[in-house]
PDB file of N, CA and C in Angstrom:
ATOM      1  N   MET A   1      31.668  78.856 155.975  1.00  0.00           N
ATOM      2  CA  MET A   1      32.418  77.497 156.610  1.00  0.00           C
ATOM      3  C   MET A   1      34.129  77.673 155.944  1.00  0.00           C
ATOM      4  N   ALA A   2      34.762  78.060 157.028  1.00  0.00           N
ATOM      5  CA  ALA A   2      36.323  78.364 156.966  1.00  0.00           C
ATOM      6  C   ALA A   2      37.109  76.812 156.313  1.00  0.00           C
ATOM      7  N   LEU A   3      37.954  77.094 155.945  1.00  0.00           N
ATOM      8  CA  LEU A   3      38.695  76.107 155.027  1.00  0.00           C
ATOM      9  C   LEU A   3      39.783  75.653 156.410  1.00  0.00           C
ATOM     10  N   SER A   4      40.289  74.337 156.769  1.00  0.00           N
ATOM     11  CA  SER A   4      41.064  73.859 157.486  1.00  0.00           C
ATOM     12  C   SER A   4      42.589  74.468 156.801  1.00  0.00           C
ATOM     13  N   MET A   5      43.629  74.391 157.547  1.00  0.00           N
ATOM     14  CA  MET A   5      44.904  74.707 156.989  1.00  0.00           C
ATOM     15  C   MET A   5      45.395  73.818 155.898  1.00  0.00           C
ATOM     16  N   GLU A   6      45.203  72.505 155.989  1.00  0.00           N
ATOM     17  CA  GLU A   6      45.633  71.492 155.028  1.00  0.00           C
ATOM     18  C   GLU A   6      44.737  71.989 153.879  1.00  0.00           C
ATOM     19  N   GLU A   7      43.521  72.186 153.814  1.00  0.00           N
ATOM     20  CA  GLU A   7      42.485  72.311 152.710  1.00  0.00           C
ATOM     21  C   GLU A   7      43.021  73.660 151.999  1.00  0.00           C
ATOM     22  N   GLN A   8      43.399  74.569 153.035  1.00  0.00           N
ATOM     23  CA  GLN A   8      43.883  76.047 152.031  1.00  0.00           C
ATOM     24  C   GLN A   8      45.488  75.900 151.493  1.00  0.00           C
ATOM     25  N   ARG A   9      45.973  74.839 151.919  1.00  0.00           N
ATOM     26  CA  ARG A   9      47.368  74.533 151.314  1.00  0.00           C
ATOM     27  C   ARG A   9      47.507  73.473 150.071  1.00  0.00           C
ATOM     28  N   ILE A  10      46.446  72.860 150.270  1.00  0.00           N
ATOM     29  CA  ILE A  10      46.116  72.042 148.553  1.00  0.00           C
ATOM     30  C   ILE A  10      45.700  72.811 147.747  1.00  0.00           C
ATOM     31  N   LEU A  11      44.481  73.782 148.349  1.00  0.00           N
ATOM     32  CA  LEU A  11      43.976  74.722 147.258  1.00  0.00           C
ATOM     33  C   LEU A  11      45.202  75.733 146.783  1.00  0.00           C
ATOM     34  N   THR A  12      45.905  75.995 147.750  1.00  0.00           N
ATOM     35  CA  THR A  12      47.229  76.875 147.299  1.00  0.00           C
ATOM     36  C   THR A  12      48.040  76.031 146.091  1.00  0.00           C
ATOM     37  N   GLN A  13      48.285  74.874 146.289  1.00  0.00           N
ATOM     38  CA  GLN A  13      49.055  73.824 145.206  1.00  0.00           C
ATOM     39  C   GLN A  13      48.566  73.864 144.013  1.00  0.00           C
ATOM     40  N   ILE A  14      47.009  73.761 144.223  1.00  0.00           N
ATOM     41  CA  ILE A  14      46.471  73.579 142.994  1.00  0.00           C
ATOM     42  C   ILE A  14      46.469  74.989 142.194  1.00  0.00           C
ATOM     43  N   GLU A  15      46.535  75.985 142.829  1.00  0.00           N
ATOM     44  CA  GLU A  15      46.281  77.243 142.079  1.00  0.00           C
ATOM     45  C   GLU A  15      47.719  77.465 141.348  1.00  0.00           C
ATOM     46  N   VAL A  16      48.617  77.284 142.257  1.00  0.00           N
ATOM     47  CA  VAL A  16      50.097  77.273 141.591  1.00  0.00           C
ATOM     48  C   VAL A  16      50.084  76.421 140.552  1.00  0.00           C
ATOM     49  N   ARG A  17      49.742  75.220 140.422  1.00  0.00           N
ATOM     50  CA  ARG A  17      49.727  74.167 139.529  1.00  0.00           C
ATOM     51  C   ARG A  17      49.125  74.765 138.310  1.00  0.00           C
ATOM     52  N   LEU A  18      47.948  75.385 138.350  1.00  0.00           N
ATOM     53  CA  LEU A  18      47.100  76.086 137.410  1.00  0.00           C
ATOM     54  C   LEU A  18      48.006  77.201 136.725  1.00  0.00           C
ATOM     55  N   SER A  19      48.622  77.770 137.553  1.00  0.00           N
ATOM     56  CA  SER A  19      49.225  78.872 137.023  1.00  0.00           C
ATOM     57  C   SER A  19      50.393  78.514 136.124  1.00  0.00           C
ATOM     58  N   GLU A  20      51.098  77.368 136.607  1.00  0.00           N
ATOM     59  CA  GLU A  20      52.187  76.991 135.564  1.00  0.00           C
ATOM     60  C   GLU A  20      51.504  76.288 134.448  1.00  0.00           C
ATOM     61  N   ASP A  21      50.560  75.558 134.705  1.00  0.00           N
ATOM     62  CA  ASP A  21      50.143  74.660 133.505  1.00  0.00           C
ATOM     63  C   ASP A  21      49.410  75.529 132.409  1.00  0.00           C
ATOM     64  N   ASP A  22      48.727  76.484 132.936  1.00  0.00           N
ATOM     65  CA  ASP A  22      47.771  77.348 131.809  1.00  0.00           C
ATOM     66  C   ASP A  22      47.699  78.849 132.520  1.00  0.00           C
ATOM     67  N   PRO A  23      48.739  79.631 132.315  1.00  0.00           N
ATOM     68  CA  PRO A  23      48.891  80.878 132.858  1.00  0.00           C
ATOM     69  C   PRO A  23      47.577  81.898 132.339  1.00  0.00           C
ATOM     70  N   ARG A  24      47.132  81.708 131.285  1.00  0.00           N
ATOM     71  CA  ARG A  24      46.093  82.540 130.628  1.00  0.00           C
ATOM     72  C   ARG A  24      44.696  82.116 131.393  1.00  0.00           C
ATOM     73  N   LEU A  25      44.398  81.127 131.676  1.00  0.00           N
ATOM     74  CA  LEU A  25      43.203  80.741 132.371  1.00  0.00           C
ATOM     75  C   LEU A  25      43.558  81.232 134.118  1.00  0.00           C
ATOM     76  N   ALA A  26      44.451  80.779 134.792  1.00  0.00           N
ATOM     77  CA  ALA A  26      44.973  81.504 135.902  1.00  0.00           C
ATOM     78  C   ALA A  26      44.734  82.795 135.877  1.00  0.00           C
ATOM     79  N   HIS A  27      45.001  83.568 134.985  1.00  0.00           N
ATOM     80  CA  HIS A  27      44.947  85.190 135.078  1.00  0.00           C
ATOM     81  C   HIS A  27      43.716  85.296 134.881  1.00  0.00           C
ATOM     82  N   ARG A  28      42.686  84.614 134.091  1.00  0.00           N
ATOM     83  CA  ARG A  28      41.378  84.848 133.820  1.00  0.00           C
ATOM     84  C   ARG A  28      40.818  84.824 135.189  1.00  0.00           C
ATOM     85  N   LEU A  29      40.756  83.358 135.909  1.00  0.00           N
ATOM     86  CA  LEU A  29      40.126  83.307 137.266  1.00  0.00           C
ATOM     87  C   LEU A  29      40.457  84.385 138.530  1.00  0.00           C
ATOM     88  N   SER A  30      41.808  84.632 138.333  1.00  0.00           N
ATOM     89  CA  SER A  30      42.184  85.686 139.272  1.00  0.00           C
ATOM     90  C   SER A  30      41.392  87.016 139.078  1.00  0.00           C
ATOM     91  N   ALA A  31      41.112  87.482 137.833  1.00  0.00           N
ATOM     92  CA  ALA A  31      40.480  88.654 137.540  1.00  0.00           C
ATOM     93  C   ALA A  31      38.958  88.793 137.819  1.00  0.00           C
ATOM     94  N   LEU A  32      38.534  87.604 138.123  1.00  0.00           N
ATOM     95  CA  LEU A  32      37.058  87.335 138.646  1.00  0.00           C
ATOM     96  C   LEU A  32      36.829  88.269 139.598  1.00  0.00           C
ATOM     97  N   GLY A  33      37.898  88.326 140.911  1.00  0.00           N
ATOM     98  CA  GLY A  33      37.866  89.088 141.678  1.00  0.00           C
ATOM     99  C   GLY A  33      37.797  88.495 143.039  1.00  0.00           C
ATOM    100  N   ASN A  34      37.648  89.135 144.296  1.00  0.00           N
ATOM    101  CA  ASN A  34      38.028  88.570 145.610  1.00  0.00           C
ATOM    102  C   ASN A  34      36.698  87.898 146.292  1.00  0.00           C
ATOM    103  N   GLY A  35      37.020  87.594 147.591  1.00  0.00           N
ATOM    104  CA  GLY A  35      35.518  87.187 148.143  1.00  0.00           C
ATOM    105  C   GLY A  35      34.799  85.766 147.839  1.00  0.00           C
ATOM    106  N   ALA A  36      33.648  85.671 147.934  1.00  0.00           N
ATOM    107  CA  ALA A  36      32.931  84.463 147.879  1.00  0.00           C
ATOM    108  C   ALA A  36      33.078  84.008 146.269  1.00  0.00           C
ATOM    109  N   ARG A  37      33.245  85.176 145.432  1.00  0.00           N
ATOM    110  CA  ARG A  37      33.258  84.525 144.107  1.00  0.00           C
ATOM    111  C   ARG A  37      34.743  83.466 143.756  1.00  0.00           C
ATOM    112  N   ARG A  38      35.455  84.275 144.399  1.00  0.00           N
ATOM    113  CA  ARG A  38      36.894  83.796 144.303  1.00  0.00           C
ATOM    114  C   ARG A  38      36.921  82.190 144.803  1.00  0.00           C
ATOM    115  N   ARG A  39      36.418  82.175 146.177  1.00  0.00           N
ATOM    116  CA  ARG A  39      36.062  81.080 146.721  1.00  0.00           C
ATOM    117  C   ARG A  39      35.796  80.124 145.680  1.00  0.00           C
ATOM    118  N   ARG A  40      34.354  80.257 145.133  1.00  0.00           N
ATOM    119  CA  ARG A  40      33.736  79.228 144.395  1.00  0.00           C
ATOM    120  C   ARG A  40      34.611  78.931 143.233  1.00  0.00           C
ATOM    121  N   VAL A  41      35.220  79.906 142.590  1.00  0.00           N
ATOM    122  CA  VAL A  41      36.240  79.498 141.597  1.00  0.00           C
ATOM    123  C   VAL A  41      37.325  78.335 142.091  1.00  0.00           C
ATOM    124  N   ARG A  42      37.896  78.806 143.263  1.00  0.00           N
ATOM    125  CA  ARG A  42      38.846  78.041 143.652  1.00  0.00           C
ATOM    126  C   ARG A  42      38.391  76.536 143.995  1.00  0.00           C
ATOM    127  N   ILE A  43      37.148  76.172 144.392  1.00  0.00           N
ATOM    128  CA  ILE A  43      36.194  75.330 144.704  1.00  0.00           C
ATOM    129  C   ILE A  43      35.948  74.357 143.290  1.00  0.00           C
ATOM    130  N   ILE A  44      35.526  75.214 142.593  1.00  0.00           N
ATOM    131  CA  ILE A  44      35.324  74.518 140.981  1.00  0.00           C
ATOM    132  C   ILE A  44      36.699  73.800 140.414  1.00  0.00           C
ATOM    133  N   ALA A  45      37.608  74.911 140.286  1.00  0.00           N
ATOM    134  CA  ALA A  45      39.076  74.276 140.108  1.00  0.00           C
ATOM    135  C   ALA A  45      39.402  72.957 140.689  1.00  0.00           C
ATOM    136  N   ALA A  46      39.265  72.964 142.078  1.00  0.00           N
ATOM    137  CA  ALA A  46      39.916  72.052 142.825  1.00  0.00           C
ATOM    138  C   ALA A  46      38.924  70.645 142.637  1.00  0.00           C
ATOM    139  N   VAL A  47      37.436  70.908 142.269  1.00  0.00           N
ATOM    140  CA  VAL A  47      36.851  69.640 142.007  1.00  0.00           C
ATOM    141  C   VAL A  47      36.898  69.172 140.309  1.00  0.00           C
ATOM    142  N   ALA A  48      37.247  70.279 139.535  1.00  0.00           N
ATOM    143  CA  ALA A  48      37.627  69.906 138.166  1.00  0.00           C
ATOM    144  C   ALA A  48      39.113  69.059 138.450  1.00  0.00           C
ATOM    145  N   VAL A  49      39.953  69.454 138.977  1.00  0.00           N
ATOM    146  CA  VAL A  49      41.123  68.740 138.978  1.00  0.00           C
ATOM    147  C   VAL A  49      41.155  67.338 139.595  1.00  0.00           C
ATOM    148  N   ALA A  50      40.381  67.376 140.755  1.00  0.00           N
ATOM    149  CA  ALA A  50      40.096  66.035 141.357  1.00  0.00           C
ATOM    150  C   ALA A  50      39.435  65.001 140.308  1.00  0.00           C
ATOM    151  N   ALA A  51      38.438  65.541 139.535  1.00  0.00           N
ATOM    152  CA  ALA A  51      37.527  64.843 138.487  1.00  0.00           C
ATOM    153  C   ALA A  51      38.453  64.130 137.416  1.00  0.00           C
ATOM    154  N   ILE A  52      39.420  65.108 137.245  1.00  0.00           N
ATOM    155  CA  ILE A  52      40.508  64.628 136.053  1.00  0.00           C
ATOM    156  C   ILE A  52      41.424  63.378 136.588  1.00  0.00           C
ATOM    157  N   GLY A  53      41.584  63.504 137.874  1.00  0.00           N
ATOM    158  CA  GLY A  53      42.902  62.902 138.710  1.00  0.00           C
ATOM    159  C   GLY A  53      42.128  61.364 138.663  1.00  0.00           C
ATOM    160  N   ILE A  54      40.575  61.403 139.182  1.00  0.00           N
ATOM    161  CA  ILE A  54      40.000  60.059 139.008  1.00  0.00           C
ATOM    162  C   ILE A  54      39.687  59.501 138.023  1.00  0.00           C
ATOM    163  N   ALA A  55      39.505  60.425 137.055  1.00  0.00           N
ATOM    164  CA  ALA A  55      39.355  59.853 135.508  1.00  0.00           C
ATOM    165  C   ALA A  55      40.576  59.235 134.980  1.00  0.00           C
ATOM    166  N   THR A  56      41.874  59.794 135.411  1.00  0.00           N
ATOM    167  CA  THR A  56      43.125  59.573 134.856  1.00  0.00           C
ATOM    168  C   THR A  56      43.079  57.821 135.733  1.00  0.00           C
ATOM    169  N   ILE A  57      42.874  57.827 136.827  1.00  0.00           N
ATOM    170  CA  ILE A  57      43.016  56.330 137.815  1.00  0.00           C
ATOM    171  C   ILE A  57      42.071  55.390 137.288  1.00  0.00           C
ATOM    172  N   VAL A  58      40.876  55.822 136.865  1.00  0.00           N
ATOM    173  CA  VAL A  58      39.897  54.566 136.201  1.00  0.00           C
ATOM    174  C   VAL A  58      40.417  54.308 135.045  1.00  0.00           C
ATOM    175  N   ALA A  59      40.857  55.433 134.235  1.00  0.00           N
ATOM    176  CA  ALA A  59      41.200  54.931 132.760  1.00  0.00           C
ATOM    177  C   ALA A  59      42.587  53.909 132.973  1.00  0.00           C
ATOM    178  N   ALA A  60      43.484  54.259 133.970  1.00  0.00           N
ATOM    179  CA  ALA A  60      44.581  53.169 133.762  1.00  0.00           C
ATOM    180  C   ALA A  60      44.180  51.785 134.354  1.00  0.00           C
ATOM    181  N   ALA A  61      43.264  51.752 135.291  1.00  0.00           N
ATOM    182  CA  ALA A  61      42.783  50.725 135.738  1.00  0.00           C
ATOM    183  C   ALA A  61      42.024  49.837 134.677  1.00  0.00           C
ATOM    184  N   VAL A  62      41.368  50.503 133.859  1.00  0.00           N
ATOM    185  CA  VAL A  62      40.846  49.918 132.802  1.00  0.00           C
ATOM    186  C   VAL A  62      41.816  49.356 131.855  1.00  0.00           C
ATOM    187  N   ILE A  63      42.756  50.396 131.262  1.00  0.00           N
ATOM    188  CA  ILE A  63      43.948  49.932 130.238  1.00  0.00           C
ATOM    189  C   ILE A  63      44.402  48.449 131.044  1.00  0.00           C
ATOM    190  N   THR A  64      44.944  48.610 132.327  1.00  0.00           N
ATOM    191  CA  THR A  64      45.762  47.751 133.008  1.00  0.00           C
ATOM    192  C   THR A  64      44.766  46.077 133.063  1.00  0.00           C
ATOM    193  N   THR A  65      43.538  46.404 133.046  1.00  0.00           N
ATOM    194  CA  THR A  65      42.509  45.323 133.224  1.00  0.00           C
ATOM    195  C   THR A  65      42.619  44.675 131.619  1.00  0.00           C
ATOM    196  N   VAL A  66      42.290  45.500 130.929  1.00  0.00           N
ATOM    197  CA  VAL A  66      42.278  44.912 129.261  1.00  0.00           C
ATOM    198  C   VAL A  66      43.740  44.453 128.871  1.00  0.00           C
ATOM    199  N   THR A  67      44.563  44.833 129.042  1.00  0.00           N
ATOM    200  CA  THR A  67      46.023  44.300 128.734  1.00  0.00           C
ATOM    201  C   THR A  67      46.365  43.313 129.340  1.00  0.00           C
TER     202      THR A  67
END
């Protein structure tokens, strides 16, 4: 299943931010190779970033509600 242009753009942004935030991890991920393996790593990274974002939003909502 091919990614849409928007999905590819978002994944590229995530990759750039990852490279800026943790260059060592980004280098290790890029060393894994091309093809399906690389796509899986990008998807896993995107899911991880999304989970962190959701957790941050939930935590902010809880903190706001508690105070």
